[in-house]
Amino acid sequence: MQNAKELFTHELTDMLDAEQKLIEALGELAEDHAEEPQLQKGFEQHQKQTERQAERLQQIFEQLGEEPEQTECKGIKGLIEERKSFKEEDPAEDILSIFDVGAAIKVESYEIDAYTSLIRLAEQLDMSKAVKLLKQNLKEEQQTRTKLEGMMRKLKPDNLGLESEEIEESGSQRRGPASSRGRSRSRKAA
């Protein structure tokens, strides 16, 4: 790679692969949360948005008169593998929901940084049409991250993991699930 245009094409290809991987991953997330209509709907909407973003990236390749090279976005692949590995641990449904929304926020942050970098390169290369399409994707990624952060604030774990033993300030131990379960429920309702 010897110049900025080659770097731009490489990074654009990387993002196209990322968006394509995410389309599939978001479909899996929607299926995994079929019992949680709000989460399922959110992941389905995000999937449709991601499909449009991939189409915009394809449009940029068409404008450049180039075909995307074969590449793999290792950053997104790693985040997807992290989720698969976590799911294999058979987490409780509420814990999986919290993990999945958190993972989606990580993905959005990754994409926001990648699009910001692509826009900077496109501006330096005087690719105004590409800048416009990339800014549209960036704006959507920022909006999605904000929505996900709002969703994350609403999610509360059913089990805080404090039921078996708690150490009070006095240093004595209190056993039994009843006292901490009550707090868990009140936190959830908050």
Protein backbone atom coordinates (compact mmCIF):
# COMPACT_ATOMS: atom_id res chain seq x y z
CA MET A 1 0.00 0.00 0.00
CA GLN A 2 1.69 3.13 -1.22
CA ASN A 3 -0.84 5.97 -1.19
CA ALA A 4 -3.92 7.39 0.52
CA LYS A 5 -6.32 6.20 -2.18
CA GLU A 6 -5.15 2.61 -1.69
CA LEU A 7 -5.57 3.00 2.06
CA PHE A 8 -9.06 4.44 1.56
CA THR A 9 -10.05 1.50 -0.66
CA HIS A 10 -8.62 -0.96 1.85
CA GLU A 11 -10.46 0.62 4.79
CA LEU A 12 -13.68 0.88 2.77
CA THR A 13 -13.44 -2.84 1.99
CA ASP A 14 -12.85 -3.56 5.67
CA MET A 15 -16.01 -1.65 6.61
CA LEU A 16 -18.05 -3.39 3.93
CA ASP A 17 -17.00 -6.75 5.37
CA ALA A 18 -17.83 -5.48 8.87
CA GLU A 19 -21.32 -4.38 7.84
CA GLN A 20 -21.96 -7.68 6.04
CA LYS A 21 -20.88 -9.67 9.11
CA LEU A 22 -23.10 -7.50 11.29
CA ILE A 23 -26.16 -8.08 9.11
CA GLU A 24 -25.90 -11.78 9.89
CA ALA A 25 -25.01 -11.26 13.56
CA LEU A 26 -27.93 -8.88 14.13
CA GLY A 27 -30.30 -11.47 12.66
CA GLU A 28 -28.99 -13.98 15.21
CA LEU A 29 -29.41 -11.47 18.02
CA ALA A 30 -33.02 -10.80 16.99
CA GLU A 31 -33.72 -14.56 16.98
CA ASP A 32 -32.03 -15.04 20.36
CA HIS A 33 -34.23 -12.37 21.90
CA ALA A 34 -37.57 -13.50 20.44
CA GLU A 35 -38.98 -13.61 23.99
CA GLU A 36 -38.09 -9.94 24.49
CA PRO A 37 -40.08 -7.99 21.87
CA GLN A 38 -38.39 -4.64 22.51
CA LEU A 39 -34.89 -6.06 22.10
CA GLN A 40 -35.89 -8.20 19.13
CA LYS A 41 -37.43 -5.21 17.36
CA GLY A 42 -34.36 -3.08 18.11
CA PHE A 43 -31.99 -5.67 16.65
CA GLU A 44 -34.23 -6.14 13.58
CA GLN A 45 -34.31 -2.39 12.95
CA HIS A 46 -30.55 -2.22 13.39
CA GLN A 47 -30.17 -5.06 10.88
CA LYS A 48 -32.21 -3.17 8.25
CA GLN A 49 -30.19 -0.03 8.88
CA THR A 50 -26.95 -2.01 8.51
CA GLU A 51 -28.15 -3.39 5.16
CA ARG A 52 -28.65 0.20 3.91
CA GLN A 53 -25.20 1.14 5.18
CA ALA A 54 -23.62 -1.74 3.27
CA GLU A 55 -25.49 -0.58 0.14
CA ARG A 56 -24.02 2.92 0.55
CA LEU A 57 -20.53 1.43 0.77
CA GLN A 58 -21.24 -0.49 -2.44
CA GLN A 59 -22.29 2.80 -4.05
CA ILE A 60 -18.91 4.31 -3.17
CA PHE A 61 -17.14 1.38 -4.83
CA GLU A 62 -19.29 1.96 -7.93
CA GLN A 63 -18.36 5.66 -7.91
CA LEU A 64 -14.69 4.68 -7.73
CA GLY A 65 -15.15 2.14 -10.53
CA GLU A 66 -13.67 -0.56 -8.29
CA GLU A 67 -14.67 -3.91 -6.88
CA PRO A 68 -14.15 -4.56 -3.17
CA GLU A 69 -11.12 -6.75 -2.52
CA GLN A 70 -11.40 -9.90 -0.43
CA THR A 71 -10.64 -8.98 3.15
CA GLU A 72 -11.85 -9.71 6.64
CA CYS A 73 -12.61 -7.11 9.28
CA LYS A 74 -10.78 -8.70 12.19
CA GLY A 75 -12.10 -6.15 14.70
CA ILE A 76 -15.76 -6.97 14.09
CA LYS A 77 -14.95 -10.67 13.73
CA GLY A 78 -13.39 -10.56 17.20
CA LEU A 79 -16.44 -8.88 18.74
CA ILE A 80 -18.75 -11.45 17.13
CA GLU A 81 -16.55 -14.32 18.36
CA GLU A 82 -16.55 -12.82 21.85
CA ARG A 83 -20.36 -12.92 21.84
CA LYS A 84 -20.47 -16.52 20.60
CA SER A 85 -18.03 -17.56 23.30
CA PHE A 86 -20.08 -15.82 25.99
CA LYS A 87 -23.30 -17.44 24.78
CA GLU A 88 -21.65 -20.89 25.07
CA GLU A 89 -21.37 -20.23 28.83
CA ASP A 90 -25.19 -20.52 28.96
CA PRO A 91 -25.91 -17.19 30.66
CA ALA A 92 -29.28 -16.37 32.20
CA GLU A 93 -31.62 -14.59 29.79
CA ASP A 94 -31.35 -11.22 31.56
CA ILE A 95 -27.56 -11.44 31.66
CA LEU A 96 -27.41 -12.31 27.95
CA SER A 97 -29.59 -9.28 27.20
CA ILE A 98 -27.28 -6.98 29.13
CA PHE A 99 -24.21 -8.52 27.47
CA ASP A 100 -25.72 -8.26 23.97
CA VAL A 101 -26.69 -4.61 24.30
CA GLY A 102 -23.22 -3.86 25.68
CA ALA A 103 -21.62 -5.75 22.79
CA ALA A 104 -23.76 -3.78 20.32
CA ILE A 105 -22.53 -0.54 21.91
CA LYS A 106 -18.92 -1.72 21.46
CA VAL A 107 -19.64 -2.44 17.79
CA GLU A 108 -21.17 1.02 17.29
CA SER A 109 -18.14 2.67 18.88
CA TYR A 110 -15.84 0.69 16.57
CA GLU A 111 -17.88 1.68 13.52
CA ILE A 112 -18.04 5.34 14.54
CA ASP A 113 -14.25 5.49 14.75
CA ALA A 114 -13.85 3.65 11.44
CA TYR A 115 -16.31 5.94 9.63
CA THR A 116 -14.67 9.04 11.11
CA SER A 117 -11.32 7.88 9.75
CA LEU A 118 -12.82 7.06 6.33
CA ILE A 119 -14.47 10.47 6.12
CA ARG A 120 -11.16 12.19 6.91
CA LEU A 121 -9.42 10.26 4.13
CA ALA A 122 -12.26 10.88 1.65
CA GLU A 123 -12.12 14.61 2.39
CA GLN A 124 -8.35 14.64 1.80
CA LEU A 125 -8.91 12.79 -1.48
CA ASP A 126 -11.65 15.29 -2.45
CA MET A 127 -14.30 12.56 -2.78
CA SER A 128 -17.36 14.66 -1.95
CA LYS A 129 -19.94 12.02 -2.93
CA ALA A 130 -18.19 9.41 -0.80
CA VAL A 131 -17.99 11.88 2.11
CA LYS A 132 -21.76 12.45 1.91
CA LEU A 133 -22.55 8.71 1.98
CA LEU A 134 -20.05 8.02 4.75
CA LYS A 135 -21.41 10.88 6.87
CA GLN A 136 -24.89 9.42 6.50
CA ASN A 137 -23.61 6.07 7.83
CA LEU A 138 -21.73 7.83 10.63
CA LYS A 139 -24.83 9.77 11.71
CA GLU A 140 -26.86 6.55 11.84
CA GLU A 141 -24.16 4.79 13.87
CA GLN A 142 -24.11 7.66 16.38
CA GLN A 143 -27.91 7.62 16.68
CA THR A 144 -27.93 3.85 17.13
CA ARG A 145 -25.29 4.01 19.87
CA THR A 146 -27.38 6.63 21.69
CA LYS A 147 -30.48 4.38 21.45
CA LEU A 148 -28.52 1.38 22.70
CA GLU A 149 -27.14 3.37 25.63
CA GLY A 150 -30.71 4.32 26.56
CA MET A 151 -31.75 0.68 26.31
CA MET A 152 -28.81 -0.35 28.49
CA ARG A 153 -29.90 2.05 31.25
CA LYS A 154 -33.29 0.28 31.36
CA LEU A 155 -31.85 -3.24 31.65
CA LYS A 156 -31.39 -4.52 35.19
CA PRO A 157 -30.11 -7.95 36.18
CA ASP A 158 -32.56 -10.20 38.02
CA ASN A 159 -29.76 -11.73 40.06
CA LEU A 160 -26.94 -9.57 41.36
CA GLY A 161 -24.95 -12.59 42.56
CA LEU A 162 -24.96 -11.40 46.17
CA GLU A 163 -27.44 -13.97 47.51
CA SER A 164 -25.15 -16.61 49.03
CA GLU A 165 -23.00 -14.40 51.28
CA GLU A 166 -22.72 -10.72 51.97
CA ILE A 167 -20.11 -9.05 54.07
CA GLU A 168 -21.49 -6.10 55.99
CA GLU A 169 -19.48 -3.10 57.02
CA SER A 170 -19.12 -4.58 60.50
CA GLY A 171 -17.29 -7.57 59.03
CA SER A 172 -19.91 -10.14 60.01
CA GLN A 173 -21.44 -12.40 57.40
CA ARG A 174 -25.13 -12.67 56.71
CA ARG A 175 -26.38 -15.77 54.93
CA GLY A 176 -29.49 -16.31 52.95
CA PRO A 177 -31.01 -15.18 49.71
CA ALA A 178 -34.07 -13.38 51.06
CA SER A 179 -32.49 -10.07 52.04
CA SER A 180 -30.50 -9.53 48.85
CA ARG A 181 -33.29 -10.79 46.58
CA GLY A 182 -35.54 -8.06 47.86
CA ARG A 183 -32.96 -5.47 46.97
CA SER A 184 -32.51 -7.01 43.53
CA ARG A 185 -36.21 -6.69 42.82
CA SER A 186 -36.37 -3.12 44.06
CA ARG A 187 -33.40 -2.20 41.88
CA LYS A 188 -35.07 -3.81 38.89
CA ALA A 189 -38.23 -1.83 39.48
CA ALA A 190 -36.26 1.42 39.82
